[in-house]
Each structure stands twice: as C-alpha cells, then as structure tokens.
Amino acid sequence: MPEFILVTFEYIRDFMELGGPVLYLIAGLLIIMWFMIIERIFYISGPHREAVKAAIDEWESRKERKSWAAHQVREELVSRVGSKLRENLSMIQACVALAPLFGLLGTVTGMIEVFQVMAINGTSNARAMAGGVSRATVPTMAGMVAALSGLFLSFWLQRKADQEREKLNEKLTLDH
C-alpha cells in the first residue's frame, strides 16, 4: 500500500512539473472548492435537519398563524434556514468560474515560453518548443477538469437548497 501512495505522489509531482506553476494555483483552488462542497453536503445531511426541526417547532409553538406579524415570522424562519443552506454556494460558483481562467493563464504563460524559444533558437528546435506547448495545454485541461468537477455539484447543491427551502415553506402551515 505505501508503494502505491509513493507512485501516486510521483505521478502528481510529474504532472505539476509538466504544467508549470499555474497548476499549483489550480490545485489550490480545487482543494478550496472541494472543501466547501463537502462541507455543504455534510451540512445538508446533518445540521440542516436540526435547523428545519427548530424552525418547525418555533412555528408550531405560535398560538396564532394568520396575522400579518405571523406571516412575517414565518418568512423570517424560512429565510433564516434558506440563507444557511446557501452559505458558500456563491464561493463554490466563483471557484468553478475561476478554474478555467487559471487554465487560460497557464495557456498564456506556456505560449510565451514557446515564443521565447522561437526567438532564441528559431523555429527549427521542435523539442524546445514542445515544452512550452505542453505548459500551454496541460493547465488549460486541468482548469477545465477542475471547473467541470465542481460545476455539477454546484448545480446540485443549488437545486437541493431550493428544494429544501420549498419543503420548509410547505411544512410551515398557515392554519389556526
């Protein structure tokens, strides 16, 4: 098992060297994005249920639920739970949007390297230009993969937050 881990780290190191320093930015962004995604998933599966139960208990303990003031209390309860659900979703979406931009930054820096090789050696040294081309394409691919990995879960979390808010809205009945 330790040999597998060592080989995996070697592959990661080689990949990071192949793509240049921009890959470290993409990797950092990816780690931050996934920590926030995992935190949201854990929140929905645990503490969110407690927040919903507390909001329902607070609403059910009211003696009257038809006045304008009662409607405002209901809206505040739904809003409070909903805002807690949406916490960090905009940051996750920002990370999804930034990942391809960091990849584009890697493309530009890699192409600058190609142009520098061409200026120094001319266009006859294909091997020297290939290093710059790989530094141009690898970050682009990494940025797109990072964005796609977070895009689907970002939409899922957004949809789940909307559904959970709507469920709470339906549970807080206006009868009495």
C-alpha atoms as a PDB file:
ATOM      1  CA  MET A   1       0.000   0.000   0.000  1.00  0.00           C
ATOM      2  CA  PRO A   2       2.724   2.592   0.809  1.00  0.00           C
ATOM      3  CA  GLU A   3       4.320   1.907  -2.591  1.00  0.00           C
ATOM      4  CA  PHE A   4       1.032   2.809  -4.302  1.00  0.00           C
ATOM      5  CA  ILE A   5       0.910   6.105  -2.418  1.00  0.00           C
ATOM      6  CA  LEU A   6       4.524   6.881  -3.310  1.00  0.00           C
ATOM      7  CA  VAL A   7       3.913   6.161  -7.001  1.00  0.00           C
ATOM      8  CA  THR A   8       0.763   8.316  -6.934  1.00  0.00           C
ATOM      9  CA  PHE A   9       2.689  11.249  -5.455  1.00  0.00           C
ATOM     10  CA  GLU A  10       5.374  10.828  -8.116  1.00  0.00           C
ATOM     11  CA  TYR A  11       2.723  10.984 -10.854  1.00  0.00           C
ATOM     12  CA  ILE A  12       1.212  14.088  -9.308  1.00  0.00           C
ATOM     13  CA  ARG A  13       4.633  15.732  -8.997  1.00  0.00           C
ATOM     14  CA  ASP A  14       5.459  14.925 -12.632  1.00  0.00           C
ATOM     15  CA  PHE A  15       2.110  16.309 -13.766  1.00  0.00           C
ATOM     16  CA  MET A  16       2.609  19.515 -11.779  1.00  0.00           C
ATOM     17  CA  GLU A  17       6.078  19.986 -13.281  1.00  0.00           C
ATOM     18  CA  LEU A  18       4.715  19.350 -16.772  1.00  0.00           C
ATOM     19  CA  GLY A  19       2.085  22.077 -16.474  1.00  0.00           C
ATOM     20  CA  GLY A  20       4.134  24.695 -14.707  1.00  0.00           C
ATOM     21  CA  PRO A  21       3.462  26.883 -11.677  1.00  0.00           C
ATOM     22  CA  VAL A  22      -0.098  27.747 -12.712  1.00  0.00           C
ATOM     23  CA  LEU A  23      -1.106  24.179 -11.872  1.00  0.00           C
ATOM     24  CA  TYR A  24      -0.382  24.929  -8.220  1.00  0.00           C
ATOM     25  CA  LEU A  25      -2.935  27.755  -8.365  1.00  0.00           C
ATOM     26  CA  ILE A  26      -5.476  25.430  -9.957  1.00  0.00           C
ATOM     27  CA  ALA A  27      -4.748  22.712  -7.387  1.00  0.00           C
ATOM     28  CA  GLY A  28      -5.160  25.168  -4.507  1.00  0.00           C
ATOM     29  CA  LEU A  29      -8.414  26.451  -5.964  1.00  0.00           C
ATOM     30  CA  LEU A  30      -9.639  22.881  -6.458  1.00  0.00           C
ATOM     31  CA  ILE A  31      -8.857  21.943  -2.856  1.00  0.00           C
ATOM     32  CA  ILE A  32     -10.668  25.010  -1.503  1.00  0.00           C
ATOM     33  CA  MET A  33     -13.664  24.382  -3.776  1.00  0.00           C
ATOM     34  CA  TRP A  34     -13.963  20.730  -2.760  1.00  0.00           C
ATOM     35  CA  PHE A  35     -13.659  21.533   0.950  1.00  0.00           C
ATOM     36  CA  MET A  36     -16.610  23.909   0.575  1.00  0.00           C
ATOM     37  CA  ILE A  37     -18.599  21.343  -1.465  1.00  0.00           C
ATOM     38  CA  ILE A  38     -18.007  18.611   1.103  1.00  0.00           C
ATOM     39  CA  GLU A  39     -18.913  20.991   3.931  1.00  0.00           C
ATOM     40  CA  ARG A  40     -22.229  21.822   2.211  1.00  0.00           C
ATOM     41  CA  ILE A  41     -23.031  18.143   1.681  1.00  0.00           C
ATOM     42  CA  PHE A  42     -22.335  17.417   5.350  1.00  0.00           C
ATOM     43  CA  TYR A  43     -24.429  20.427   6.390  1.00  0.00           C
ATOM     44  CA  ILE A  44     -27.414  19.276   4.337  1.00  0.00           C
ATOM     45  CA  SER A  45     -27.212  15.761   5.727  1.00  0.00           C
ATOM     46  CA  GLY A  46     -26.826  16.799   9.383  1.00  0.00           C
ATOM     47  CA  PRO A  47     -27.189  20.255  10.926  1.00  0.00           C
ATOM     48  CA  HIS A  48     -29.713  21.380   8.318  1.00  0.00           C
ATOM     49  CA  ARG A  49     -32.224  18.813   9.572  1.00  0.00           C
ATOM     50  CA  GLU A  50     -31.839  20.211  13.087  1.00  0.00           C
ATOM     51  CA  ALA A  51     -32.364  23.774  11.806  1.00  0.00           C
ATOM     52  CA  VAL A  52     -35.541  22.695   9.990  1.00  0.00           C
ATOM     53  CA  LYS A  53     -36.813  20.945  13.114  1.00  0.00           C
ATOM     54  CA  ALA A  54     -36.098  24.027  15.233  1.00  0.00           C
ATOM     55  CA  ALA A  55     -37.899  26.288  12.742  1.00  0.00           C
ATOM     56  CA  ILE A  56     -40.924  23.957  12.627  1.00  0.00           C
ATOM     57  CA  ASP A  57     -41.008  23.743  16.437  1.00  0.00           C
ATOM     58  CA  GLU A  58     -40.843  27.517  16.741  1.00  0.00           C
ATOM     59  CA  TRP A  59     -43.645  27.924  14.201  1.00  0.00           C
ATOM     60  CA  GLU A  60     -45.836  25.237  15.768  1.00  0.00           C
ATOM     61  CA  SER A  61     -45.453  26.806  19.206  1.00  0.00           C
ATOM     62  CA  ARG A  62     -47.174  30.002  17.981  1.00  0.00           C
ATOM     63  CA  LYS A  63     -50.779  30.345  19.090  1.00  0.00           C
ATOM     64  CA  GLU A  64     -51.907  32.257  16.015  1.00  0.00           C
ATOM     65  CA  ARG A  65     -50.615  31.985  12.476  1.00  0.00           C
ATOM     66  CA  LYS A  66     -52.927  34.166  10.362  1.00  0.00           C
ATOM     67  CA  SER A  67     -51.941  37.741  11.130  1.00  0.00           C
ATOM     68  CA  TRP A  68     -49.526  39.853   9.166  1.00  0.00           C
ATOM     69  CA  ALA A  69     -46.991  39.560  12.018  1.00  0.00           C
ATOM     70  CA  ALA A  70     -47.270  35.766  11.940  1.00  0.00           C
ATOM     71  CA  HIS A  71     -46.611  35.782   8.185  1.00  0.00           C
ATOM     72  CA  GLN A  72     -43.527  37.902   8.768  1.00  0.00           C
ATOM     73  CA  VAL A  73     -42.276  35.475  11.437  1.00  0.00           C
ATOM     74  CA  ARG A  74     -42.853  32.593   9.014  1.00  0.00           C
ATOM     75  CA  GLU A  75     -40.940  34.382   6.255  1.00  0.00           C
ATOM     76  CA  GLU A  76     -38.096  35.078   8.668  1.00  0.00           C
ATOM     77  CA  LEU A  77     -37.895  31.408   9.677  1.00  0.00           C
ATOM     78  CA  VAL A  78     -37.832  30.246   6.050  1.00  0.00           C
ATOM     79  CA  SER A  79     -35.315  32.933   5.151  1.00  0.00           C
ATOM     80  CA  ARG A  80     -33.013  32.071   8.056  1.00  0.00           C
ATOM     81  CA  VAL A  81     -32.942  28.374   7.152  1.00  0.00           C
ATOM     82  CA  GLY A  82     -32.610  29.182   3.446  1.00  0.00           C
ATOM     83  CA  SER A  83     -29.689  31.554   3.927  1.00  0.00           C
ATOM     84  CA  LYS A  84     -27.867  28.943   5.991  1.00  0.00           C
ATOM     85  CA  LEU A  85     -28.452  26.470   3.147  1.00  0.00           C
ATOM     86  CA  ARG A  86     -26.967  28.865   0.578  1.00  0.00           C
ATOM     87  CA  GLU A  87     -23.869  29.604   2.627  1.00  0.00           C
ATOM     88  CA  ASN A  88     -20.694  29.215   0.494  1.00  0.00           C
ATOM     89  CA  LEU A  89     -22.654  28.390  -2.685  1.00  0.00           C
ATOM     90  CA  SER A  90     -21.575  31.637  -4.323  1.00  0.00           C
ATOM     91  CA  MET A  91     -17.960  30.936  -3.351  1.00  0.00           C
ATOM     92  CA  ILE A  92     -18.206  27.472  -4.916  1.00  0.00           C
ATOM     93  CA  GLN A  93     -19.603  29.008  -8.090  1.00  0.00           C
ATOM     94  CA  ALA A  94     -16.793  31.575  -8.097  1.00  0.00           C
ATOM     95  CA  CYS A  95     -14.224  28.768  -7.831  1.00  0.00           C
ATOM     96  CA  VAL A  96     -15.915  26.979 -10.742  1.00  0.00           C
ATOM     97  CA  ALA A  97     -15.655  30.160 -12.799  1.00  0.00           C
ATOM     98  CA  LEU A  98     -12.036  30.856 -11.797  1.00  0.00           C
ATOM     99  CA  ALA A  99     -10.642  27.408 -12.634  1.00  0.00           C
ATOM    100  CA  PRO A 100     -10.791  27.800 -16.450  1.00  0.00           C
ATOM    101  CA  LEU A 101      -9.432  31.333 -16.120  1.00  0.00           C
ATOM    102  CA  PHE A 102      -6.408  29.984 -14.254  1.00  0.00           C
ATOM    103  CA  GLY A 103      -6.098  27.388 -17.034  1.00  0.00           C
ATOM    104  CA  LEU A 104      -6.113  30.209 -19.566  1.00  0.00           C
ATOM    105  CA  LEU A 105      -3.376  31.931 -17.571  1.00  0.00           C
ATOM    106  CA  GLY A 106      -1.331  28.734 -17.916  1.00  0.00           C
ATOM    107  CA  THR A 107      -2.001  28.744 -21.658  1.00  0.00           C
ATOM    108  CA  VAL A 108      -0.708  32.280 -21.996  1.00  0.00           C
ATOM    109  CA  THR A 109       2.417  31.637 -19.940  1.00  0.00           C
ATOM    110  CA  GLY A 110       3.117  28.436 -21.904  1.00  0.00           C
ATOM    111  CA  MET A 111       2.747  30.245 -25.225  1.00  0.00           C
ATOM    112  CA  ILE A 112       5.100  32.974 -24.007  1.00  0.00           C
ATOM    113  CA  GLU A 113       7.630  30.207 -23.348  1.00  0.00           C
ATOM    114  CA  VAL A 114       7.134  28.897 -26.905  1.00  0.00           C
ATOM    115  CA  PHE A 115       7.668  32.373 -28.344  1.00  0.00           C
ATOM    116  CA  GLN A 116      10.812  32.826 -26.258  1.00  0.00           C
ATOM    117  CA  VAL A 117      12.221  29.549 -27.614  1.00  0.00           C
ATOM    118  CA  MET A 118      11.328  30.611 -31.137  1.00  0.00           C
ATOM    119  CA  ALA A 119      13.032  33.979 -30.636  1.00  0.00           C
ATOM    120  CA  ILE A 120      16.222  32.433 -29.278  1.00  0.00           C
ATOM    121  CA  ASN A 121      16.514  29.224 -31.310  1.00  0.00           C
ATOM    122  CA  GLY A 122      14.313  29.895 -34.301  1.00  0.00           C
ATOM    123  CA  THR A 123      11.552  27.544 -35.393  1.00  0.00           C
ATOM    124  CA  SER A 124      13.843  24.588 -36.063  1.00  0.00           C
ATOM    125  CA  ASN A 125      14.067  23.347 -32.449  1.00  0.00           C
ATOM    126  CA  ALA A 126      10.811  21.423 -32.122  1.00  0.00           C
ATOM    127  CA  ARG A 127      11.859  19.712 -28.887  1.00  0.00           C
ATOM    128  CA  ALA A 128      12.374  23.023 -27.106  1.00  0.00           C
ATOM    129  CA  MET A 129       9.021  24.332 -28.366  1.00  0.00           C
ATOM    130  CA  ALA A 130       7.222  21.158 -27.221  1.00  0.00           C
ATOM    131  CA  GLY A 131       7.939  22.005 -23.571  1.00  0.00           C
ATOM    132  CA  GLY A 132       6.196  25.334 -23.949  1.00  0.00           C
ATOM    133  CA  VAL A 133       3.284  23.764 -25.810  1.00  0.00           C
ATOM    134  CA  SER A 134       2.766  21.227 -23.006  1.00  0.00           C
ATOM    135  CA  ARG A 135       2.913  24.050 -20.467  1.00  0.00           C
ATOM    136  CA  ALA A 136       0.220  25.732 -22.549  1.00  0.00           C
ATOM    137  CA  THR A 137      -2.152  22.774 -22.927  1.00  0.00           C
ATOM    138  CA  VAL A 138      -1.876  20.977 -19.581  1.00  0.00           C
ATOM    139  CA  PRO A 139      -3.091  23.921 -17.439  1.00  0.00           C
ATOM    140  CA  THR A 140      -5.975  24.505 -19.849  1.00  0.00           C
ATOM    141  CA  MET A 141      -7.071  20.904 -19.482  1.00  0.00           C
ATOM    142  CA  ALA A 142      -6.571  20.964 -15.709  1.00  0.00           C
ATOM    143  CA  GLY A 143      -8.605  24.166 -15.359  1.00  0.00           C
ATOM    144  CA  MET A 144     -11.460  22.722 -17.399  1.00  0.00           C
ATOM    145  CA  VAL A 145     -11.462  19.434 -15.451  1.00  0.00           C
ATOM    146  CA  ALA A 146     -11.426  21.348 -12.150  1.00  0.00           C
ATOM    147  CA  ALA A 147     -14.333  23.518 -13.290  1.00  0.00           C
ATOM    148  CA  LEU A 148     -16.357  20.550 -14.536  1.00  0.00           C
ATOM    149  CA  SER A 149     -15.785  18.616 -11.317  1.00  0.00           C
ATOM    150  CA  GLY A 150     -17.335  21.434  -9.306  1.00  0.00           C
ATOM    151  CA  LEU A 151     -19.942  22.551 -11.830  1.00  0.00           C
ATOM    152  CA  PHE A 152     -22.261  19.577 -11.487  1.00  0.00           C
ATOM    153  CA  LEU A 153     -22.142  19.534  -7.695  1.00  0.00           C
ATOM    154  CA  SER A 154     -22.582  23.293  -7.589  1.00  0.00           C
ATOM    155  CA  PHE A 155     -25.823  22.990  -9.558  1.00  0.00           C
ATOM    156  CA  TRP A 156     -26.913  20.030  -7.442  1.00  0.00           C
ATOM    157  CA  LEU A 157     -26.290  21.954  -4.216  1.00  0.00           C
ATOM    158  CA  GLN A 158     -28.173  24.967  -5.576  1.00  0.00           C
ATOM    159  CA  ARG A 159     -31.127  22.806  -6.592  1.00  0.00           C
ATOM    160  CA  LYS A 160     -31.057  20.963  -3.258  1.00  0.00           C
ATOM    161  CA  ALA A 161     -31.077  24.281  -1.355  1.00  0.00           C
ATOM    162  CA  ASP A 162     -34.090  25.459  -3.368  1.00  0.00           C
ATOM    163  CA  GLN A 163     -35.913  22.167  -2.760  1.00  0.00           C
ATOM    164  CA  GLU A 164     -35.198  22.184   0.966  1.00  0.00           C
ATOM    165  CA  ARG A 165     -36.367  25.779   1.285  1.00  0.00           C
ATOM    166  CA  GLU A 166     -39.578  24.936  -0.579  1.00  0.00           C
ATOM    167  CA  LYS A 167     -40.173  21.889   1.657  1.00  0.00           C
ATOM    168  CA  LEU A 168     -39.850  24.054   4.754  1.00  0.00           C
ATOM    169  CA  ASN A 169     -42.155  26.631   3.224  1.00  0.00           C
ATOM    170  CA  GLU A 170     -44.799  23.912   2.763  1.00  0.00           C
ATOM    171  CA  LYS A 171     -44.331  22.489   6.288  1.00  0.00           C
ATOM    172  CA  LEU A 172     -44.993  25.825   7.992  1.00  0.00           C
ATOM    173  CA  THR A 173     -48.775  25.828   7.564  1.00  0.00           C
ATOM    174  CA  LEU A 174     -50.861  28.964   7.928  1.00  0.00           C
ATOM    175  CA  ASP A 175     -53.871  27.334   9.624  1.00  0.00           C
ATOM    176  CA  HIS A 176     -55.183  28.147  13.131  1.00  0.00           C
END
